[in-house]
Amino acid sequence: MSSLLPLSTNIHEPQRLSLARKLILLVMFCLTQFIDTLSMSALLSAIPALEASMGMTEIQSTWVFSGFRLTFSSFLLISGRLSDVYNPKTVFIGGVSTLGILSLCAGFVYTTVPILVLRAITGIASAMTIPSALKLLVKVFPDPLEQARAVGFFAGCGAVANMGGLVVGAMFVQRVSYHWVF
């Protein structure tokens, strides 16, 4: 009878990862947070160039920024729930890949309506990455002290990107083109 019992009584015991693997995952999640936030704040520097290049009105250029923020904010809770119900790894990979494809497409757009639509959909993809990355961070770092450090580093990357995004966006607009901001 004892041969039928599992070796461990705790079936839901988390898998232990090596320190190198944990750090690689932390860097990957933080880089995603950094890119999400940088994409948002870098756009502020490019709005005057967008208006001039595409012939946008002030209202349209405001919607380039607001469309992203509106869809991002609206879908953040839904994405968190998707990460809770389904596999957060799948939600994270889907969000990152969709964000990359849509950002690349936005860089090649030269008219107003497609850029507005792409930025709004990019907000949804961006909202998929943050809750799933946090859920995966909690799984990767089960120790409360390590978890607090990892989440703090994750949040710090977003703060640094928010401040540096204006500078990076301005450099892209001045040196290359506003298309690189996306």
N, C-alpha and C. Protein backbone atom coordinates (compact mmCIF):
# COMPACT_ATOMS: atom_id res chain seq x y z
N MET A 1 0.81 -1.19 0.00
CA MET A 1 0.00 0.00 0.00
C MET A 1 0.86 1.26 0.00
N SER A 2 2.00 1.20 0.66
CA SER A 2 2.84 2.38 0.75
C SER A 2 3.49 2.72 -0.59
N SER A 3 3.58 1.78 -1.51
CA SER A 3 4.18 2.06 -2.81
C SER A 3 3.26 2.92 -3.68
N LEU A 4 1.97 2.99 -3.38
CA LEU A 4 1.05 3.80 -4.14
C LEU A 4 1.04 5.26 -3.70
N LEU A 5 1.57 5.57 -2.53
CA LEU A 5 1.60 6.93 -2.03
C LEU A 5 2.70 7.72 -2.73
N PRO A 6 2.47 8.99 -3.00
CA PRO A 6 3.52 9.80 -3.61
C PRO A 6 4.67 10.02 -2.63
N LEU A 7 5.84 10.30 -3.17
CA LEU A 7 7.01 10.53 -2.34
C LEU A 7 6.86 11.78 -1.49
N SER A 8 6.21 12.79 -2.02
CA SER A 8 6.00 14.03 -1.29
C SER A 8 4.52 14.14 -0.94
N THR A 9 4.25 14.57 0.28
CA THR A 9 2.85 14.71 0.68
C THR A 9 2.25 16.00 0.13
N ASN A 10 3.08 16.97 -0.21
CA ASN A 10 2.60 18.24 -0.77
C ASN A 10 2.68 18.18 -2.29
N ILE A 11 1.55 17.97 -2.94
CA ILE A 11 1.52 17.83 -4.39
C ILE A 11 1.77 19.17 -5.08
N HIS A 12 1.37 20.25 -4.46
CA HIS A 12 1.46 21.58 -5.06
C HIS A 12 2.77 22.29 -4.71
N GLU A 13 3.80 21.55 -4.39
CA GLU A 13 5.09 22.15 -4.05
C GLU A 13 5.70 22.79 -5.29
N PRO A 14 6.13 24.06 -5.20
CA PRO A 14 6.69 24.71 -6.38
C PRO A 14 8.03 24.11 -6.77
N GLN A 15 8.28 24.12 -8.05
CA GLN A 15 9.54 23.60 -8.57
C GLN A 15 10.65 24.59 -8.25
N ARG A 16 11.76 24.10 -7.74
CA ARG A 16 12.89 24.95 -7.40
C ARG A 16 13.69 25.25 -8.66
N LEU A 17 13.98 26.52 -8.86
CA LEU A 17 14.77 26.95 -10.00
C LEU A 17 16.14 27.38 -9.52
N SER A 18 17.12 27.26 -10.39
CA SER A 18 18.46 27.72 -10.03
C SER A 18 18.48 29.25 -9.96
N LEU A 19 19.48 29.78 -9.28
CA LEU A 19 19.59 31.22 -9.13
C LEU A 19 19.78 31.90 -10.48
N ALA A 20 20.56 31.29 -11.35
CA ALA A 20 20.79 31.87 -12.68
C ALA A 20 19.48 31.94 -13.47
N ARG A 21 18.69 30.91 -13.40
CA ARG A 21 17.42 30.90 -14.12
C ARG A 21 16.44 31.93 -13.55
N LYS A 22 16.43 32.06 -12.23
CA LYS A 22 15.58 33.07 -11.59
C LYS A 22 15.98 34.47 -12.04
N LEU A 23 17.28 34.73 -12.09
CA LEU A 23 17.75 36.05 -12.48
C LEU A 23 17.45 36.35 -13.95
N ILE A 24 17.57 35.34 -14.79
CA ILE A 24 17.25 35.52 -16.21
C ILE A 24 15.77 35.84 -16.38
N LEU A 25 14.92 35.13 -15.65
CA LEU A 25 13.47 35.41 -15.72
C LEU A 25 13.16 36.80 -15.17
N LEU A 26 13.83 37.19 -14.08
CA LEU A 26 13.62 38.52 -13.52
C LEU A 26 14.02 39.61 -14.51
N VAL A 27 15.15 39.43 -15.17
CA VAL A 27 15.59 40.41 -16.17
C VAL A 27 14.61 40.46 -17.33
N MET A 28 14.10 39.32 -17.75
CA MET A 28 13.15 39.28 -18.86
C MET A 28 11.84 40.00 -18.49
N PHE A 29 11.33 39.77 -17.29
CA PHE A 29 10.10 40.44 -16.86
C PHE A 29 10.32 41.94 -16.69
N CYS A 30 11.47 42.29 -16.13
CA CYS A 30 11.77 43.72 -15.93
C CYS A 30 11.99 44.42 -17.27
N LEU A 31 12.59 43.75 -18.21
CA LEU A 31 12.78 44.33 -19.54
C LEU A 31 11.43 44.56 -20.22
N THR A 32 10.51 43.66 -20.03
CA THR A 32 9.17 43.84 -20.58
C THR A 32 8.47 45.04 -19.95
N GLN A 33 8.58 45.16 -18.63
CA GLN A 33 8.00 46.32 -17.94
C GLN A 33 8.67 47.61 -18.43
N PHE A 34 9.97 47.56 -18.61
CA PHE A 34 10.72 48.73 -19.06
C PHE A 34 10.27 49.15 -20.46
N ILE A 35 10.13 48.19 -21.36
CA ILE A 35 9.72 48.50 -22.73
C ILE A 35 8.29 49.01 -22.78
N ASP A 36 7.39 48.40 -22.00
CA ASP A 36 6.00 48.88 -21.95
C ASP A 36 5.94 50.34 -21.52
N THR A 37 6.62 50.66 -20.44
CA THR A 37 6.56 52.01 -19.91
C THR A 37 7.31 53.00 -20.78
N LEU A 38 8.44 52.57 -21.33
CA LEU A 38 9.22 53.43 -22.21
C LEU A 38 8.43 53.79 -23.47
N SER A 39 7.71 52.82 -23.99
CA SER A 39 6.88 53.05 -25.17
C SER A 39 5.82 54.11 -24.91
N MET A 40 5.29 54.10 -23.70
CA MET A 40 4.25 55.07 -23.36
C MET A 40 4.82 56.47 -23.19
N SER A 41 5.90 56.60 -22.43
CA SER A 41 6.41 57.94 -22.14
C SER A 41 7.22 58.51 -23.30
N ALA A 42 7.83 57.69 -24.12
CA ALA A 42 8.61 58.18 -25.26
C ALA A 42 7.71 58.81 -26.31
N LEU A 43 6.47 58.39 -26.36
CA LEU A 43 5.54 58.92 -27.35
C LEU A 43 5.24 60.40 -27.12
N LEU A 44 5.32 60.84 -25.87
CA LEU A 44 5.04 62.25 -25.57
C LEU A 44 5.98 63.19 -26.32
N SER A 45 7.23 62.80 -26.48
CA SER A 45 8.18 63.64 -27.20
C SER A 45 7.91 63.66 -28.70
N ALA A 46 7.27 62.62 -29.20
CA ALA A 46 7.08 62.49 -30.64
C ALA A 46 5.76 63.08 -31.12
N ILE A 47 4.89 63.50 -30.24
CA ILE A 47 3.58 64.00 -30.66
C ILE A 47 3.68 65.22 -31.58
N PRO A 48 4.52 66.22 -31.30
CA PRO A 48 4.62 67.33 -32.26
C PRO A 48 5.10 66.90 -33.65
N ALA A 49 6.03 65.95 -33.69
CA ALA A 49 6.49 65.44 -34.99
C ALA A 49 5.39 64.65 -35.70
N LEU A 50 4.60 63.91 -34.94
CA LEU A 50 3.47 63.18 -35.52
C LEU A 50 2.45 64.14 -36.12
N GLU A 51 2.13 65.20 -35.39
CA GLU A 51 1.18 66.19 -35.88
C GLU A 51 1.65 66.80 -37.19
N ALA A 52 2.91 67.17 -37.24
CA ALA A 52 3.45 67.82 -38.44
C ALA A 52 3.54 66.85 -39.61
N SER A 53 3.98 65.64 -39.35
CA SER A 53 4.20 64.67 -40.43
C SER A 53 2.90 64.12 -41.01
N MET A 54 1.93 63.83 -40.16
CA MET A 54 0.70 63.21 -40.62
C MET A 54 -0.42 64.21 -40.83
N GLY A 55 -0.20 65.46 -40.52
CA GLY A 55 -1.25 66.45 -40.67
C GLY A 55 -2.38 66.25 -39.68
N MET A 56 -2.05 65.84 -38.48
CA MET A 56 -3.07 65.59 -37.46
C MET A 56 -3.52 66.88 -36.81
N THR A 57 -4.74 66.84 -36.31
CA THR A 57 -5.22 67.92 -35.46
C THR A 57 -4.77 67.63 -34.03
N GLU A 58 -4.95 68.58 -33.14
CA GLU A 58 -4.59 68.36 -31.74
C GLU A 58 -5.41 67.24 -31.11
N ILE A 59 -6.66 67.17 -31.48
CA ILE A 59 -7.54 66.13 -30.93
C ILE A 59 -7.07 64.75 -31.37
N GLN A 60 -6.71 64.61 -32.63
CA GLN A 60 -6.24 63.33 -33.13
C GLN A 60 -4.92 62.93 -32.47
N SER A 61 -4.02 63.89 -32.31
CA SER A 61 -2.75 63.55 -31.67
C SER A 61 -2.94 63.20 -30.20
N THR A 62 -3.92 63.78 -29.57
CA THR A 62 -4.22 63.42 -28.19
C THR A 62 -4.72 61.98 -28.11
N TRP A 63 -5.47 61.56 -29.11
CA TRP A 63 -5.99 60.19 -29.11
C TRP A 63 -4.91 59.15 -29.39
N VAL A 64 -3.81 59.54 -30.00
CA VAL A 64 -2.70 58.59 -30.15
C VAL A 64 -2.20 58.19 -28.78
N PHE A 65 -2.10 59.16 -27.90
CA PHE A 65 -1.66 58.91 -26.53
C PHE A 65 -2.79 58.31 -25.68
N SER A 66 -3.96 58.90 -25.76
CA SER A 66 -5.09 58.50 -24.90
C SER A 66 -5.66 57.15 -25.28
N GLY A 67 -5.63 56.80 -26.57
CA GLY A 67 -6.15 55.50 -26.99
C GLY A 67 -5.38 54.36 -26.34
N PHE A 68 -4.07 54.52 -26.27
CA PHE A 68 -3.24 53.52 -25.60
C PHE A 68 -3.58 53.45 -24.12
N ARG A 69 -3.62 54.59 -23.46
CA ARG A 69 -3.86 54.62 -22.01
C ARG A 69 -5.25 54.10 -21.66
N LEU A 70 -6.23 54.43 -22.48
CA LEU A 70 -7.60 53.99 -22.22
C LEU A 70 -7.73 52.48 -22.33
N THR A 71 -7.21 51.91 -23.41
CA THR A 71 -7.32 50.45 -23.56
C THR A 71 -6.42 49.73 -22.57
N PHE A 72 -5.26 50.30 -22.28
CA PHE A 72 -4.37 49.69 -21.28
C PHE A 72 -5.07 49.62 -19.92
N SER A 73 -5.62 50.73 -19.50
CA SER A 73 -6.30 50.78 -18.20
C SER A 73 -7.54 49.90 -18.16
N SER A 74 -8.28 49.86 -19.25
CA SER A 74 -9.51 49.08 -19.29
C SER A 74 -9.24 47.59 -19.26
N PHE A 75 -8.18 47.14 -19.88
CA PHE A 75 -7.93 45.71 -20.00
C PHE A 75 -6.94 45.18 -18.96
N LEU A 76 -6.46 46.03 -18.07
CA LEU A 76 -5.51 45.59 -17.06
C LEU A 76 -6.14 44.57 -16.11
N LEU A 77 -7.35 44.85 -15.63
CA LEU A 77 -8.02 43.91 -14.73
C LEU A 77 -8.43 42.63 -15.46
N ILE A 78 -8.88 42.77 -16.69
CA ILE A 78 -9.27 41.59 -17.48
C ILE A 78 -8.05 40.71 -17.72
N SER A 79 -6.93 41.32 -18.02
CA SER A 79 -5.70 40.55 -18.24
C SER A 79 -5.24 39.87 -16.96
N GLY A 80 -5.42 40.55 -15.84
CA GLY A 80 -5.09 39.92 -14.56
C GLY A 80 -5.95 38.69 -14.30
N ARG A 81 -7.21 38.79 -14.64
CA ARG A 81 -8.10 37.65 -14.47
C ARG A 81 -7.73 36.51 -15.42
N LEU A 82 -7.36 36.86 -16.65
CA LEU A 82 -6.90 35.83 -17.60
C LEU A 82 -5.67 35.11 -17.06
N SER A 83 -4.78 35.85 -16.42
CA SER A 83 -3.58 35.24 -15.84
C SER A 83 -3.92 34.36 -14.66
N ASP A 84 -5.00 34.67 -13.95
CA ASP A 84 -5.42 33.83 -12.83
C ASP A 84 -6.10 32.55 -13.30
N VAL A 85 -6.95 32.68 -14.31
CA VAL A 85 -7.74 31.53 -14.77
C VAL A 85 -6.92 30.60 -15.66
N TYR A 86 -6.18 31.19 -16.59
CA TYR A 86 -5.39 30.41 -17.53
C TYR A 86 -3.92 30.47 -17.15
N ASN A 87 -3.10 29.88 -17.93
CA ASN A 87 -1.67 29.86 -17.67
C ASN A 87 -1.08 31.26 -17.87
N PRO A 88 -0.46 31.86 -16.84
CA PRO A 88 0.09 33.21 -17.01
C PRO A 88 1.24 33.26 -18.01
N LYS A 89 1.91 32.14 -18.19
CA LYS A 89 2.99 32.10 -19.18
C LYS A 89 2.44 32.31 -20.59
N THR A 90 1.31 31.71 -20.89
CA THR A 90 0.69 31.86 -22.20
C THR A 90 0.21 33.30 -22.41
N VAL A 91 -0.38 33.89 -21.37
CA VAL A 91 -0.85 35.27 -21.47
C VAL A 91 0.34 36.21 -21.66
N PHE A 92 1.42 35.97 -20.93
CA PHE A 92 2.61 36.81 -21.04
C PHE A 92 3.22 36.73 -22.44
N ILE A 93 3.41 35.53 -22.94
CA ILE A 93 4.01 35.35 -24.26
C ILE A 93 3.10 35.93 -25.34
N GLY A 94 1.80 35.73 -25.21
CA GLY A 94 0.86 36.32 -26.16
C GLY A 94 0.90 37.83 -26.15
N GLY A 95 0.96 38.42 -24.95
CA GLY A 95 1.03 39.88 -24.85
C GLY A 95 2.32 40.45 -25.41
N VAL A 96 3.44 39.83 -25.08
CA VAL A 96 4.73 40.34 -25.56
C VAL A 96 4.85 40.21 -27.07
N SER A 97 4.45 39.06 -27.61
CA SER A 97 4.57 38.89 -29.06
C SER A 97 3.61 39.81 -29.81
N THR A 98 2.40 39.97 -29.32
CA THR A 98 1.44 40.88 -29.95
C THR A 98 1.93 42.32 -29.85
N LEU A 99 2.47 42.69 -28.70
CA LEU A 99 3.02 44.03 -28.52
C LEU A 99 4.16 44.31 -29.50
N GLY A 100 5.03 43.34 -29.67
CA GLY A 100 6.14 43.51 -30.61
C GLY A 100 5.68 43.67 -32.04
N ILE A 101 4.75 42.83 -32.45
CA ILE A 101 4.25 42.89 -33.83
C ILE A 101 3.51 44.19 -34.10
N LEU A 102 2.64 44.59 -33.17
CA LEU A 102 1.88 45.83 -33.36
C LEU A 102 2.76 47.07 -33.32
N SER A 103 3.76 47.07 -32.46
CA SER A 103 4.69 48.21 -32.41
C SER A 103 5.49 48.31 -33.69
N LEU A 104 5.90 47.18 -34.23
CA LEU A 104 6.61 47.19 -35.50
C LEU A 104 5.72 47.71 -36.62
N CYS A 105 4.48 47.28 -36.63
CA CYS A 105 3.54 47.76 -37.64
C CYS A 105 3.29 49.27 -37.50
N ALA A 106 3.19 49.75 -36.26
CA ALA A 106 2.96 51.18 -36.03
C ALA A 106 4.12 52.02 -36.53
N GLY A 107 5.32 51.47 -36.52
CA GLY A 107 6.48 52.20 -37.01
C GLY A 107 6.45 52.43 -38.51
N PHE A 108 5.68 51.65 -39.23
CA PHE A 108 5.62 51.77 -40.69
C PHE A 108 4.37 52.48 -41.19
N VAL A 109 3.55 52.99 -40.30
CA VAL A 109 2.30 53.65 -40.68
C VAL A 109 2.55 55.13 -40.93
N TYR A 110 1.93 55.66 -41.99
CA TYR A 110 2.09 57.07 -42.33
C TYR A 110 0.78 57.85 -42.34
N THR A 111 -0.32 57.22 -41.93
CA THR A 111 -1.62 57.91 -41.91
C THR A 111 -2.21 57.88 -40.51
N THR A 112 -3.20 58.72 -40.29
CA THR A 112 -3.71 58.97 -38.95
C THR A 112 -4.55 57.83 -38.38
N VAL A 113 -5.54 57.37 -39.11
CA VAL A 113 -6.48 56.38 -38.55
C VAL A 113 -5.78 55.06 -38.20
N PRO A 114 -4.94 54.51 -39.07
CA PRO A 114 -4.27 53.27 -38.66
C PRO A 114 -3.38 53.42 -37.43
N ILE A 115 -2.75 54.57 -37.26
CA ILE A 115 -1.90 54.75 -36.08
C ILE A 115 -2.76 54.82 -34.81
N LEU A 116 -3.93 55.43 -34.92
CA LEU A 116 -4.83 55.47 -33.77
C LEU A 116 -5.32 54.08 -33.39
N VAL A 117 -5.68 53.29 -34.39
CA VAL A 117 -6.17 51.93 -34.13
C VAL A 117 -5.05 51.05 -33.58
N LEU A 118 -3.86 51.14 -34.18
CA LEU A 118 -2.74 50.32 -33.72
C LEU A 118 -2.33 50.68 -32.29
N ARG A 119 -2.33 51.96 -31.96
CA ARG A 119 -1.97 52.35 -30.59
C ARG A 119 -3.01 51.85 -29.58
N ALA A 120 -4.27 51.87 -29.96
CA ALA A 120 -5.30 51.37 -29.05
C ALA A 120 -5.15 49.86 -28.83
N ILE A 121 -4.90 49.12 -29.89
CA ILE A 121 -4.73 47.67 -29.75
C ILE A 121 -3.42 47.35 -29.03
N THR A 122 -2.40 48.18 -29.21
CA THR A 122 -1.14 48.00 -28.50
C THR A 122 -1.35 48.15 -27.00
N GLY A 123 -2.28 49.02 -26.60
CA GLY A 123 -2.61 49.15 -25.18
C GLY A 123 -3.15 47.87 -24.59
N ILE A 124 -3.94 47.14 -25.36
CA ILE A 124 -4.47 45.86 -24.89
C ILE A 124 -3.34 44.85 -24.74
N ALA A 125 -2.45 44.78 -25.72
CA ALA A 125 -1.32 43.85 -25.65
C ALA A 125 -0.40 44.19 -24.49
N SER A 126 -0.19 45.47 -24.27
CA SER A 126 0.66 45.90 -23.17
C SER A 126 0.03 45.55 -21.82
N ALA A 127 -1.28 45.66 -21.74
CA ALA A 127 -1.98 45.31 -20.50
C ALA A 127 -1.90 43.82 -20.20
N MET A 128 -1.69 43.00 -21.20
CA MET A 128 -1.58 41.57 -20.99
C MET A 128 -0.26 41.19 -20.34
N THR A 129 0.77 42.00 -20.51
CA THR A 129 2.09 41.62 -20.02
C THR A 129 2.29 41.87 -18.53
N ILE A 130 1.76 42.96 -18.01
CA ILE A 130 2.07 43.36 -16.63
C ILE A 130 1.51 42.40 -15.58
N PRO A 131 0.19 42.08 -15.57
CA PRO A 131 -0.31 41.17 -14.54
C PRO A 131 0.28 39.77 -14.64
N SER A 132 0.47 39.30 -15.87
CA SER A 132 1.03 37.95 -16.02
C SER A 132 2.48 37.92 -15.57
N ALA A 133 3.24 38.98 -15.83
CA ALA A 133 4.63 39.03 -15.37
C ALA A 133 4.69 39.05 -13.84
N LEU A 134 3.80 39.79 -13.21
CA LEU A 134 3.77 39.80 -11.74
C LEU A 134 3.40 38.44 -11.17
N LYS A 135 2.44 37.78 -11.79
CA LYS A 135 2.04 36.45 -11.32
C LYS A 135 3.20 35.46 -11.48
N LEU A 136 3.91 35.56 -12.60
CA LEU A 136 5.05 34.67 -12.81
C LEU A 136 6.20 35.00 -11.86
N LEU A 137 6.39 36.28 -11.54
CA LEU A 137 7.42 36.67 -10.57
C LEU A 137 7.14 36.05 -9.20
N VAL A 138 5.88 36.06 -8.80
CA VAL A 138 5.51 35.48 -7.52
C VAL A 138 5.77 33.97 -7.52
N LYS A 139 5.54 33.32 -8.65
CA LYS A 139 5.82 31.88 -8.75
C LYS A 139 7.31 31.59 -8.75
N VAL A 140 8.09 32.41 -9.42
CA VAL A 140 9.53 32.18 -9.53
C VAL A 140 10.23 32.42 -8.20
N PHE A 141 9.76 33.41 -7.46
CA PHE A 141 10.36 33.75 -6.17
C PHE A 141 9.37 33.47 -5.03
N PRO A 142 9.31 32.21 -4.55
CA PRO A 142 8.35 31.87 -3.51
C PRO A 142 8.72 32.43 -2.13
N ASP A 143 9.99 32.66 -1.86
CA ASP A 143 10.43 33.20 -0.59
C ASP A 143 9.97 34.66 -0.48
N PRO A 144 9.30 35.04 0.61
CA PRO A 144 8.76 36.41 0.71
C PRO A 144 9.81 37.52 0.58
N LEU A 145 11.01 37.31 1.10
CA LEU A 145 12.05 38.33 0.99
C LEU A 145 12.52 38.48 -0.45
N GLU A 146 12.77 37.36 -1.11
CA GLU A 146 13.17 37.40 -2.53
C GLU A 146 12.05 37.98 -3.39
N GLN A 147 10.83 37.62 -3.05
CA GLN A 147 9.66 38.10 -3.79
C GLN A 147 9.53 39.61 -3.68
N ALA A 148 9.72 40.14 -2.49
CA ALA A 148 9.64 41.59 -2.28
C ALA A 148 10.74 42.31 -3.07
N ARG A 149 11.93 41.76 -3.08
CA ARG A 149 13.03 42.37 -3.84
C ARG A 149 12.75 42.33 -5.33
N ALA A 150 12.24 41.20 -5.81
CA ALA A 150 11.97 41.06 -7.24
C ALA A 150 10.86 42.01 -7.69
N VAL A 151 9.79 42.11 -6.91
CA VAL A 151 8.69 43.01 -7.27
C VAL A 151 9.15 44.46 -7.18
N GLY A 152 9.99 44.77 -6.20
CA GLY A 152 10.53 46.12 -6.10
C GLY A 152 11.41 46.48 -7.28
N PHE A 153 12.23 45.54 -7.71
CA PHE A 153 13.07 45.76 -8.88
C PHE A 153 12.22 45.92 -10.14
N PHE A 154 11.17 45.12 -10.23
CA PHE A 154 10.23 45.19 -11.35
C PHE A 154 9.57 46.57 -11.42
N ALA A 155 9.10 47.06 -10.28
CA ALA A 155 8.47 48.38 -10.23
C ALA A 155 9.49 49.48 -10.50
N GLY A 156 10.70 49.31 -10.02
CA GLY A 156 11.75 50.29 -10.27
C GLY A 156 12.10 50.42 -11.74
N CYS A 157 12.06 49.32 -12.45
CA CYS A 157 12.32 49.37 -13.90
C CYS A 157 11.26 50.20 -14.62
N GLY A 158 10.04 50.08 -14.17
CA GLY A 158 8.97 50.89 -14.76
C GLY A 158 9.15 52.36 -14.46
N ALA A 159 9.59 52.68 -13.26
CA ALA A 159 9.80 54.08 -12.89
C ALA A 159 10.95 54.70 -13.66
N VAL A 160 12.03 53.95 -13.82
CA VAL A 160 13.18 54.45 -14.59
C VAL A 160 12.79 54.66 -16.05
N ALA A 161 12.03 53.73 -16.60
CA ALA A 161 11.59 53.87 -18.00
C ALA A 161 10.65 55.04 -18.17
N ASN A 162 9.83 55.30 -17.19
CA ASN A 162 8.90 56.42 -17.27
C ASN A 162 9.66 57.74 -17.31
N MET A 163 10.71 57.84 -16.53
CA MET A 163 11.51 59.07 -16.52
C MET A 163 12.41 59.16 -17.76
N GLY A 164 12.99 58.05 -18.15
CA GLY A 164 13.91 58.07 -19.28
C GLY A 164 13.24 58.06 -20.63
N GLY A 165 11.97 57.73 -20.67
CA GLY A 165 11.25 57.66 -21.93
C GLY A 165 11.18 58.98 -22.66
N LEU A 166 11.03 60.05 -21.92
CA LEU A 166 10.99 61.37 -22.56
C LEU A 166 12.30 61.68 -23.26
N VAL A 167 13.40 61.35 -22.60
CA VAL A 167 14.72 61.61 -23.18
C VAL A 167 14.97 60.71 -24.39
N VAL A 168 14.66 59.44 -24.25
CA VAL A 168 14.86 58.50 -25.36
C VAL A 168 13.98 58.87 -26.54
N GLY A 169 12.73 59.21 -26.28
CA GLY A 169 11.82 59.62 -27.35
C GLY A 169 12.31 60.87 -28.06
N ALA A 170 12.79 61.83 -27.28
CA ALA A 170 13.31 63.06 -27.89
C ALA A 170 14.55 62.79 -28.73
N MET A 171 15.40 61.87 -28.27
CA MET A 171 16.60 61.52 -29.06
C MET A 171 16.21 60.84 -30.37
N PHE A 172 15.23 59.93 -30.30
CA PHE A 172 14.78 59.27 -31.54
C PHE A 172 14.20 60.27 -32.52
N VAL A 173 13.39 61.19 -32.02
CA VAL A 173 12.75 62.18 -32.90
C VAL A 173 13.81 63.10 -33.51
N GLN A 174 14.76 63.54 -32.72
CA GLN A 174 15.78 64.46 -33.22
C GLN A 174 16.79 63.79 -34.13
N ARG A 175 17.23 62.60 -33.79
CA ARG A 175 18.32 61.95 -34.52
C ARG A 175 17.86 61.09 -35.69
N VAL A 176 16.76 60.37 -35.50
CA VAL A 176 16.35 59.41 -36.53
C VAL A 176 14.99 59.81 -37.10
N SER A 177 13.92 59.39 -36.44
CA SER A 177 12.56 59.67 -36.90
C SER A 177 11.58 59.33 -35.77
N TYR A 178 10.42 59.91 -35.83
CA TYR A 178 9.41 59.59 -34.82
C TYR A 178 8.93 58.15 -34.95
N HIS A 179 9.15 57.50 -36.09
CA HIS A 179 8.72 56.11 -36.27
C HIS A 179 9.42 55.17 -35.31
N TRP A 180 10.60 55.52 -34.86
CA TRP A 180 11.36 54.66 -33.95
C TRP A 180 10.79 54.68 -32.54
N VAL A 181 9.92 55.61 -32.23
CA VAL A 181 9.34 55.70 -30.90
C VAL A 181 8.39 54.53 -30.63
N PHE A 182 7.77 54.04 -31.67
CA PHE A 182 6.80 52.95 -31.49
C PHE A 182 7.49 51.65 -31.23
